């Protein structure tokens, strides 16, 4: 197995094994406060009644840890369905 391929498998395994837990906040975090890919839920009434705003941290200022193409993405905003508690 080549070194690059081994690094890629390790990066994928770590990414898949890490649970993604979103925090619920009352207001959106300041710019660059979220890590690359970190997700938070923001309850600021910008989405319809049965949805909540999901903010994903920007990956523009990060360098890939594996030798592969990575599409740079800025902060992302999505209205998602609320989980029934």
PDB file of N, CA and C in Angstrom:
ATOM      1  N   UNK A   1       0.852  -1.173   0.000  1.00  0.00           N
ATOM      2  CA  UNK A   1       0.000   0.000   0.000  1.00  0.00           C
ATOM      3  C   UNK A   1       0.897   1.235   0.000  1.00  0.00           C
ATOM      4  N   UNK A   2       0.584   2.206  -0.840  1.00  0.00           N
ATOM      5  CA  UNK A   2       1.392   3.417  -0.899  1.00  0.00           C
ATOM      6  C   UNK A   2       1.124   4.284   0.321  1.00  0.00           C
ATOM      7  N   UNK A   3       2.057   5.165   0.572  1.00  0.00           N
ATOM      8  CA  UNK A   3       1.944   6.043   1.729  1.00  0.00           C
ATOM      9  C   UNK A   3       0.731   6.978   1.608  1.00  0.00           C
ATOM     10  N   UNK A   4       0.506   7.518   0.408  1.00  0.00           N
ATOM     11  CA  UNK A   4      -0.622   8.435   0.203  1.00  0.00           C
ATOM     12  C   UNK A   4      -1.949   7.722   0.415  1.00  0.00           C
ATOM     13  N   UNK A   5      -2.046   6.499  -0.091  1.00  0.00           N
ATOM     14  CA  UNK A   5      -3.283   5.734   0.051  1.00  0.00           C
ATOM     15  C   UNK A   5      -3.526   5.382   1.520  1.00  0.00           C
ATOM     16  N   UNK A   6      -2.479   5.033   2.237  1.00  0.00           N
ATOM     17  CA  UNK A   6      -2.599   4.714   3.664  1.00  0.00           C
ATOM     18  C   UNK A   6      -3.070   5.912   4.470  1.00  0.00           C
ATOM     19  N   UNK A   7      -2.515   7.089   4.151  1.00  0.00           N
ATOM     20  CA  UNK A   7      -2.935   8.314   4.842  1.00  0.00           C
ATOM     21  C   UNK A   7      -4.401   8.614   4.568  1.00  0.00           C
ATOM     22  N   UNK A   8      -4.833   8.380   3.321  1.00  0.00           N
ATOM     23  CA  UNK A   8      -6.215   8.650   2.962  1.00  0.00           C
ATOM     24  C   UNK A   8      -7.160   7.730   3.731  1.00  0.00           C
ATOM     25  N   UNK A   9      -6.808   6.439   3.845  1.00  0.00           N
ATOM     26  CA  UNK A   9      -7.638   5.499   4.590  1.00  0.00           C
ATOM     27  C   UNK A   9      -7.739   5.889   6.059  1.00  0.00           C
ATOM     28  N   UNK A  10      -6.649   6.352   6.627  1.00  0.00           N
ATOM     29  CA  UNK A  10      -6.656   6.772   8.033  1.00  0.00           C
ATOM     30  C   UNK A  10      -7.554   7.995   8.201  1.00  0.00           C
ATOM     31  N   UNK A  11      -7.436   8.975   7.291  1.00  0.00           N
ATOM     32  CA  UNK A  11      -8.256  10.184   7.381  1.00  0.00           C
ATOM     33  C   UNK A  11      -9.737   9.852   7.263  1.00  0.00           C
ATOM     34  N   UNK A  12     -10.087   8.936   6.360  1.00  0.00           N
ATOM     35  CA  UNK A  12     -11.489   8.549   6.186  1.00  0.00           C
ATOM     36  C   UNK A  12     -11.989   7.814   7.421  1.00  0.00           C
ATOM     37  N   UNK A  13     -11.180   6.929   7.980  1.00  0.00           N
ATOM     38  CA  UNK A  13     -11.590   6.170   9.167  1.00  0.00           C
ATOM     39  C   UNK A  13     -11.823   7.098  10.350  1.00  0.00           C
ATOM     40  N   UNK A  14     -10.943   8.069  10.547  1.00  0.00           N
ATOM     41  CA  UNK A  14     -11.094   9.005  11.658  1.00  0.00           C
ATOM     42  C   UNK A  14     -12.330   9.867  11.454  1.00  0.00           C
ATOM     43  N   UNK A  15     -12.546  10.325  10.223  1.00  0.00           N
ATOM     44  CA  UNK A  15     -13.715  11.158   9.930  1.00  0.00           C
ATOM     45  C   UNK A  15     -14.999  10.391  10.163  1.00  0.00           C
ATOM     46  N   UNK A  16     -15.056   9.142   9.728  1.00  0.00           N
ATOM     47  CA  UNK A  16     -16.274   8.346   9.876  1.00  0.00           C
ATOM     48  C   UNK A  16     -16.511   7.925  11.318  1.00  0.00           C
ATOM     49  N   UNK A  17     -15.451   7.765  12.096  1.00  0.00           N
ATOM     50  CA  UNK A  17     -15.590   7.296  13.469  1.00  0.00           C
ATOM     51  C   UNK A  17     -15.945   8.419  14.436  1.00  0.00           C
ATOM     52  N   UNK A  18     -15.718   9.671  14.027  1.00  0.00           N
ATOM     53  CA  UNK A  18     -15.994  10.801  14.897  1.00  0.00           C
ATOM     54  C   UNK A  18     -17.473  11.158  14.839  1.00  0.00           C
ATOM     55  N   UNK A  19     -18.184  11.082  15.965  1.00  0.00           N
ATOM     56  CA  UNK A  19     -19.607  11.428  15.939  1.00  0.00           C
ATOM     57  C   UNK A  19     -19.797  12.927  15.745  1.00  0.00           C
ATOM     58  N   UNK A  20     -20.790  13.282  14.968  1.00  0.00           N
ATOM     59  CA  UNK A  20     -21.085  14.688  14.728  1.00  0.00           C
ATOM     60  C   UNK A  20     -22.235  15.074  15.639  1.00  0.00           C
ATOM     61  N   UNK A  21     -21.951  15.941  16.579  1.00  0.00           N
ATOM     62  CA  UNK A  21     -22.952  16.403  17.531  1.00  0.00           C
ATOM     63  C   UNK A  21     -23.115  17.896  17.332  1.00  0.00           C
ATOM     64  N   UNK A  22     -24.310  18.341  17.065  1.00  0.00           N
ATOM     65  CA  UNK A  22     -24.554  19.755  16.829  1.00  0.00           C
ATOM     66  C   UNK A  22     -25.079  20.403  18.102  1.00  0.00           C
ATOM     67  N   UNK A  23     -24.493  21.546  18.465  1.00  0.00           N
ATOM     68  CA  UNK A  23     -24.957  22.316  19.609  1.00  0.00           C
ATOM     69  C   UNK A  23     -26.101  23.225  19.154  1.00  0.00           C
ATOM     70  N   UNK A  24     -27.008  23.560  20.056  1.00  0.00           N
ATOM     71  CA  UNK A  24     -28.072  24.509  19.748  1.00  0.00           C
ATOM     72  C   UNK A  24     -27.744  25.837  20.420  1.00  0.00           C
ATOM     73  N   UNK A  25     -27.664  26.890  19.607  1.00  0.00           N
ATOM     74  CA  UNK A  25     -27.328  28.224  20.089  1.00  0.00           C
ATOM     75  C   UNK A  25     -28.481  29.175  19.813  1.00  0.00           C
ATOM     76  N   UNK A  26     -28.511  30.310  20.526  1.00  0.00           N
ATOM     77  CA  UNK A  26     -29.538  31.329  20.309  1.00  0.00           C
ATOM     78  C   UNK A  26     -29.135  32.305  19.205  1.00  0.00           C
ATOM     79  N   UNK A  27     -27.831  32.492  18.984  1.00  0.00           N
ATOM     80  CA  UNK A  27     -27.376  33.369  17.914  1.00  0.00           C
ATOM     81  C   UNK A  27     -26.187  32.732  17.200  1.00  0.00           C
ATOM     82  N   UNK A  28     -25.991  33.145  15.960  1.00  0.00           N
ATOM     83  CA  UNK A  28     -24.930  32.570  15.132  1.00  0.00           C
ATOM     84  C   UNK A  28     -23.553  32.947  15.675  1.00  0.00           C
ATOM     85  N   UNK A  29     -22.600  31.994  15.695  1.00  0.00           N
ATOM     86  CA  UNK A  29     -21.252  32.305  16.172  1.00  0.00           C
ATOM     87  C   UNK A  29     -20.570  33.337  15.268  1.00  0.00           C
ATOM     88  N   UNK A  30     -19.594  34.037  15.815  1.00  0.00           N
ATOM     89  CA  UNK A  30     -18.840  35.026  15.048  1.00  0.00           C
ATOM     90  C   UNK A  30     -18.053  34.339  13.926  1.00  0.00           C
ATOM     91  N   UNK A  31     -17.641  35.128  12.941  1.00  0.00           N
ATOM     92  CA  UNK A  31     -16.888  34.595  11.807  1.00  0.00           C
ATOM     93  C   UNK A  31     -15.611  33.898  12.292  1.00  0.00           C
ATOM     94  N   UNK A  32     -15.291  32.790  11.721  1.00  0.00           N
ATOM     95  CA  UNK A  32     -14.103  31.970  12.030  1.00  0.00           C
ATOM     96  C   UNK A  32     -14.101  31.391  13.441  1.00  0.00           C
ATOM     97  N   UNK A  33     -15.229  31.395  14.123  1.00  0.00           N
ATOM     98  CA  UNK A  33     -15.295  30.798  15.454  1.00  0.00           C
ATOM     99  C   UNK A  33     -15.493  29.286  15.372  1.00  0.00           C
ATOM    100  N   UNK A  34     -16.137  28.814  14.291  1.00  0.00           N
ATOM    101  CA  UNK A  34     -16.359  27.380  14.108  1.00  0.00           C
ATOM    102  C   UNK A  34     -15.167  26.755  13.388  1.00  0.00           C
ATOM    103  N   UNK A  35     -14.818  25.530  13.784  1.00  0.00           N
ATOM    104  CA  UNK A  35     -13.765  24.785  13.087  1.00  0.00           C
ATOM    105  C   UNK A  35     -14.288  24.311  11.741  1.00  0.00           C
ATOM    106  N   UNK A  36     -13.406  23.904  10.872  1.00  0.00           N
ATOM    107  CA  UNK A  36     -13.771  23.379   9.557  1.00  0.00           C
ATOM    108  C   UNK A  36     -14.701  22.179   9.720  1.00  0.00           C
ATOM    109  N   UNK A  37     -15.913  22.275   9.169  1.00  0.00           N
ATOM    110  CA  UNK A  37     -16.867  21.175   9.216  1.00  0.00           C
ATOM    111  C   UNK A  37     -17.689  21.077  10.487  1.00  0.00           C
ATOM    112  N   UNK A  38     -17.374  21.865  11.506  1.00  0.00           N
ATOM    113  CA  UNK A  38     -18.142  21.832  12.754  1.00  0.00           C
ATOM    114  C   UNK A  38     -19.546  22.365  12.495  1.00  0.00           C
ATOM    115  N   UNK A  39     -20.544  21.686  13.050  1.00  0.00           N
ATOM    116  CA  UNK A  39     -21.940  22.079  12.838  1.00  0.00           C
ATOM    117  C   UNK A  39     -22.570  22.518  14.140  1.00  0.00           C
ATOM    118  N   UNK A  40     -23.347  23.605  14.056  1.00  0.00           N
ATOM    119  CA  UNK A  40     -24.131  24.062  15.199  1.00  0.00           C
ATOM    120  C   UNK A  40     -25.540  24.364  14.702  1.00  0.00           C
ATOM    121  N   UNK A  41     -26.494  24.234  15.597  1.00  0.00           N
ATOM    122  CA  UNK A  41     -27.876  24.585  15.303  1.00  0.00           C
ATOM    123  C   UNK A  41     -28.141  25.945  15.930  1.00  0.00           C
ATOM    124  N   UNK A  42     -28.747  26.846  15.143  1.00  0.00           N
ATOM    125  CA  UNK A  42     -29.003  28.205  15.618  1.00  0.00           C
ATOM    126  C   UNK A  42     -30.504  28.446  15.597  1.00  0.00           C
ATOM    127  N   UNK A  43     -31.038  28.756  16.765  1.00  0.00           N
ATOM    128  CA  UNK A  43     -32.472  29.013  16.893  1.00  0.00           C
ATOM    129  C   UNK A  43     -32.698  30.518  16.899  1.00  0.00           C
ATOM    130  N   UNK A  44     -32.721  31.101  15.669  1.00  0.00           N
ATOM    131  CA  UNK A  44     -32.874  32.549  15.552  1.00  0.00           C
ATOM    132  C   UNK A  44     -34.080  32.944  14.709  1.00  0.00           C
ATOM    133  N   UNK A  45     -35.013  32.026  14.517  1.00  0.00           N
ATOM    134  CA  UNK A  45     -36.282  32.272  13.813  1.00  0.00           C
ATOM    135  C   UNK A  45     -36.119  32.707  12.361  1.00  0.00           C
ATOM    136  N   UNK A  46     -35.048  32.271  11.682  1.00  0.00           N
ATOM    137  CA  UNK A  46     -34.884  32.568  10.262  1.00  0.00           C
ATOM    138  C   UNK A  46     -35.480  31.462   9.383  1.00  0.00           C
ATOM    139  N   UNK A  47     -35.752  30.310   9.960  1.00  0.00           N
ATOM    140  CA  UNK A  47     -36.308  29.173   9.230  1.00  0.00           C
ATOM    141  C   UNK A  47     -37.794  29.008   9.564  1.00  0.00           C
ATOM    142  N   UNK A  48     -38.536  28.256   8.756  1.00  0.00           N
ATOM    143  CA  UNK A  48     -39.946  27.978   9.055  1.00  0.00           C
ATOM    144  C   UNK A  48     -40.118  27.330  10.432  1.00  0.00           C
ATOM    145  N   UNK A  49     -41.337  27.290  10.924  1.00  0.00           N
ATOM    146  CA  UNK A  49     -41.646  26.861  12.294  1.00  0.00           C
ATOM    147  C   UNK A  49     -41.124  25.475  12.649  1.00  0.00           C
ATOM    148  N   UNK A  50     -41.195  24.511  11.737  1.00  0.00           N
ATOM    149  CA  UNK A  50     -40.775  23.151  12.074  1.00  0.00           C
ATOM    150  C   UNK A  50     -39.324  22.871  11.699  1.00  0.00           C
ATOM    151  N   UNK A  51     -38.537  23.937  11.417  1.00  0.00           N
ATOM    152  CA  UNK A  51     -37.140  23.769  11.030  1.00  0.00           C
ATOM    153  C   UNK A  51     -36.227  24.636  11.880  1.00  0.00           C
ATOM    154  N   UNK A  52     -34.927  24.307  11.850  1.00  0.00           N
ATOM    155  CA  UNK A  52     -33.919  25.057  12.595  1.00  0.00           C
ATOM    156  C   UNK A  52     -32.722  25.282  11.675  1.00  0.00           C
ATOM    157  N   UNK A  53     -32.003  26.379  11.864  1.00  0.00           N
ATOM    158  CA  UNK A  53     -30.866  26.720  11.021  1.00  0.00           C
ATOM    159  C   UNK A  53     -29.644  25.907  11.438  1.00  0.00           C
ATOM    160  N   UNK A  54     -29.032  25.228  10.475  1.00  0.00           N
ATOM    161  CA  UNK A  54     -27.787  24.485  10.721  1.00  0.00           C
ATOM    162  C   UNK A  54     -26.660  25.246  10.037  1.00  0.00           C
ATOM    163  N   UNK A  55     -25.633  25.632  10.817  1.00  0.00           N
ATOM    164  CA  UNK A  55     -24.488  26.369  10.298  1.00  0.00           C
ATOM    165  C   UNK A  55     -23.274  25.444  10.346  1.00  0.00           C
ATOM    166  N   UNK A  56     -22.578  25.322   9.206  1.00  0.00           N
ATOM    167  CA  UNK A  56     -21.389  24.484   9.114  1.00  0.00           C
ATOM    168  C   UNK A  56     -20.181  25.386   8.936  1.00  0.00           C
ATOM    169  N   UNK A  57     -19.136  25.167   9.756  1.00  0.00           N
ATOM    170  CA  UNK A  57     -17.935  25.999   9.727  1.00  0.00           C
ATOM    171  C   UNK A  57     -17.196  25.956   8.404  1.00  0.00           C
ATOM    172  N   UNK A  58     -16.556  27.061   8.064  1.00  0.00           N
ATOM    173  CA  UNK A  58     -15.831  27.222   6.811  1.00  0.00           C
ATOM    174  C   UNK A  58     -14.550  26.404   6.792  1.00  0.00           C
ATOM    175  N   UNK A  59     -14.212  25.897   5.607  1.00  0.00           N
ATOM    176  CA  UNK A  59     -12.961  25.153   5.411  1.00  0.00           C
ATOM    177  C   UNK A  59     -12.010  25.910   4.487  1.00  0.00           C
ATOM    178  N   UNK A  60     -12.244  27.201   4.302  1.00  0.00           N
ATOM    179  CA  UNK A  60     -11.437  27.975   3.367  1.00  0.00           C
ATOM    180  C   UNK A  60     -10.008  28.196   3.851  1.00  0.00           C
ATOM    181  N   UNK A  61      -9.798  28.326   5.140  1.00  0.00           N
ATOM    182  CA  UNK A  61      -8.465  28.629   5.666  1.00  0.00           C
ATOM    183  C   UNK A  61      -7.707  27.399   6.148  1.00  0.00           C
ATOM    184  N   UNK A  62      -8.168  26.210   5.790  1.00  0.00           N
ATOM    185  CA  UNK A  62      -7.498  24.998   6.236  1.00  0.00           C
ATOM    186  C   UNK A  62      -6.714  24.385   5.088  1.00  0.00           C
ATOM    187  N   UNK A  63      -5.634  23.702   5.431  1.00  0.00           N
ATOM    188  CA  UNK A  63      -4.878  22.966   4.426  1.00  0.00           C
ATOM    189  C   UNK A  63      -5.176  21.493   4.624  1.00  0.00           C
ATOM    190  N   UNK A  64      -5.358  20.760   3.535  1.00  0.00           N
ATOM    191  CA  UNK A  64      -5.658  19.336   3.662  1.00  0.00           C
ATOM    192  C   UNK A  64      -4.516  18.586   4.343  1.00  0.00           C
ATOM    193  N   UNK A  65      -4.840  17.625   5.193  1.00  0.00           N
ATOM    194  CA  UNK A  65      -3.819  16.828   5.862  1.00  0.00           C
ATOM    195  C   UNK A  65      -3.390  15.650   5.010  1.00  0.00           C
ATOM    196  N   UNK A  66      -4.116  15.398   3.940  1.00  0.00           N
ATOM    197  CA  UNK A  66      -3.809  14.294   3.036  1.00  0.00           C
ATOM    198  C   UNK A  66      -3.543  14.892   1.661  1.00  0.00           C
ATOM    199  N   UNK A  67      -2.645  14.293   0.902  1.00  0.00           N
ATOM    200  CA  UNK A  67      -2.319  14.788  -0.434  1.00  0.00           C
ATOM    201  C   UNK A  67      -3.442  14.465  -1.407  1.00  0.00           C
ATOM    202  N   UNK A  68      -4.501  15.262  -1.397  1.00  0.00           N
ATOM    203  CA  UNK A  68      -5.615  15.054  -2.305  1.00  0.00           C
ATOM    204  C   UNK A  68      -6.331  16.379  -2.545  1.00  0.00           C
ATOM    205  N   UNK A  69      -7.086  16.443  -3.627  1.00  0.00           N
ATOM    206  CA  UNK A  69      -7.850  17.646  -3.935  1.00  0.00           C
ATOM    207  C   UNK A  69      -8.964  17.820  -2.923  1.00  0.00           C
ATOM    208  N   UNK A  70      -9.115  19.022  -2.411  1.00  0.00           N
ATOM    209  CA  UNK A  70     -10.195  19.322  -1.480  1.00  0.00           C
ATOM    210  C   UNK A  70     -10.904  20.569  -1.984  1.00  0.00           C
ATOM    211  N   UNK A  71     -12.198  20.470  -2.182  1.00  0.00           N
ATOM    212  CA  UNK A  71     -12.962  21.618  -2.642  1.00  0.00           C
ATOM    213  C   UNK A  71     -13.153  22.581  -1.481  1.00  0.00           C
ATOM    214  N   UNK A  72     -12.627  23.803  -1.594  1.00  0.00           N
ATOM    215  CA  UNK A  72     -12.803  24.756  -0.502  1.00  0.00           C
ATOM    216  C   UNK A  72     -14.261  25.184  -0.389  1.00  0.00           C
ATOM    217  N   UNK A  73     -14.748  25.225   0.843  1.00  0.00           N
ATOM    218  CA  UNK A  73     -16.135  25.633   1.074  1.00  0.00           C
ATOM    219  C   UNK A  73     -16.170  26.653   2.191  1.00  0.00           C
ATOM    220  N   UNK A  74     -16.975  27.673   1.988  1.00  0.00           N
ATOM    221  CA  UNK A  74     -17.170  28.683   3.020  1.00  0.00           C
ATOM    222  C   UNK A  74     -18.226  28.203   4.013  1.00  0.00           C
ATOM    223  N   UNK A  75     -18.605  29.079   4.907  1.00  0.00           N
ATOM    224  CA  UNK A  75     -19.638  28.763   5.880  1.00  0.00           C
ATOM    225  C   UNK A  75     -20.929  28.436   5.142  1.00  0.00           C
ATOM    226  N   UNK A  76     -21.589  27.364   5.564  1.00  0.00           N
ATOM    227  CA  UNK A  76     -22.812  26.922   4.905  1.00  0.00           C
ATOM    228  C   UNK A  76     -24.000  27.057   5.855  1.00  0.00           C
ATOM    229  N   UNK A  77     -25.153  27.436   5.286  1.00  0.00           N
ATOM    230  CA  UNK A  77     -26.372  27.627   6.055  1.00  0.00           C
ATOM    231  C   UNK A  77     -27.477  26.787   5.439  1.00  0.00           C
ATOM    232  N   UNK A  78     -28.159  25.978   6.267  1.00  0.00           N
ATOM    233  CA  UNK A  78     -29.258  25.145   5.789  1.00  0.00           C
ATOM    234  C   UNK A  78     -30.353  25.111   6.852  1.00  0.00           C
ATOM    235  N   UNK A  79     -31.594  25.188   6.407  1.00  0.00           N
ATOM    236  CA  UNK A  79     -32.722  24.950   7.307  1.00  0.00           C
ATOM    237  C   UNK A  79     -32.988  23.456   7.288  1.00  0.00           C
ATOM    238  N   UNK A  80     -32.971  22.833   8.457  1.00  0.00           N
ATOM    239  CA  UNK A  80     -33.210  21.392   8.542  1.00  0.00           C
ATOM    240  C   UNK A  80     -34.403  21.140   9.447  1.00  0.00           C
ATOM    241  N   UNK A  81     -34.997  19.979   9.295  1.00  0.00           N
ATOM    242  CA  UNK A  81     -36.159  19.596  10.103  1.00  0.00           C
ATOM    243  C   UNK A  81     -35.718  19.387  11.562  1.00  0.00           C
ATOM    244  N   UNK A  82     -36.511  19.901  12.474  1.00  0.00           N
ATOM    245  CA  UNK A  82     -36.222  19.706  13.902  1.00  0.00           C
ATOM    246  C   UNK A  82     -36.439  18.265  14.283  1.00  0.00           C
ATOM    247  N   UNK A  83     -35.610  17.763  15.190  1.00  0.00           N
ATOM    248  CA  UNK A  83     -35.819  16.412  15.715  1.00  0.00           C
ATOM    249  C   UNK A  83     -36.897  16.476  16.778  1.00  0.00           C
ATOM    250  N   UNK A  84     -37.807  15.520  16.746  1.00  0.00           N
ATOM    251  CA  UNK A  84     -38.871  15.457  17.745  1.00  0.00           C
ATOM    252  C   UNK A  84     -38.301  14.918  19.037  1.00  0.00           C
ATOM    253  N   UNK A  85     -38.473  15.645  20.121  1.00  0.00           N
ATOM    254  CA  UNK A  85     -37.942  15.207  21.418  1.00  0.00           C
ATOM    255  C   UNK A  85     -39.023  14.722  22.318  1.00  0.00           C
TER     256      UNK A  85
END
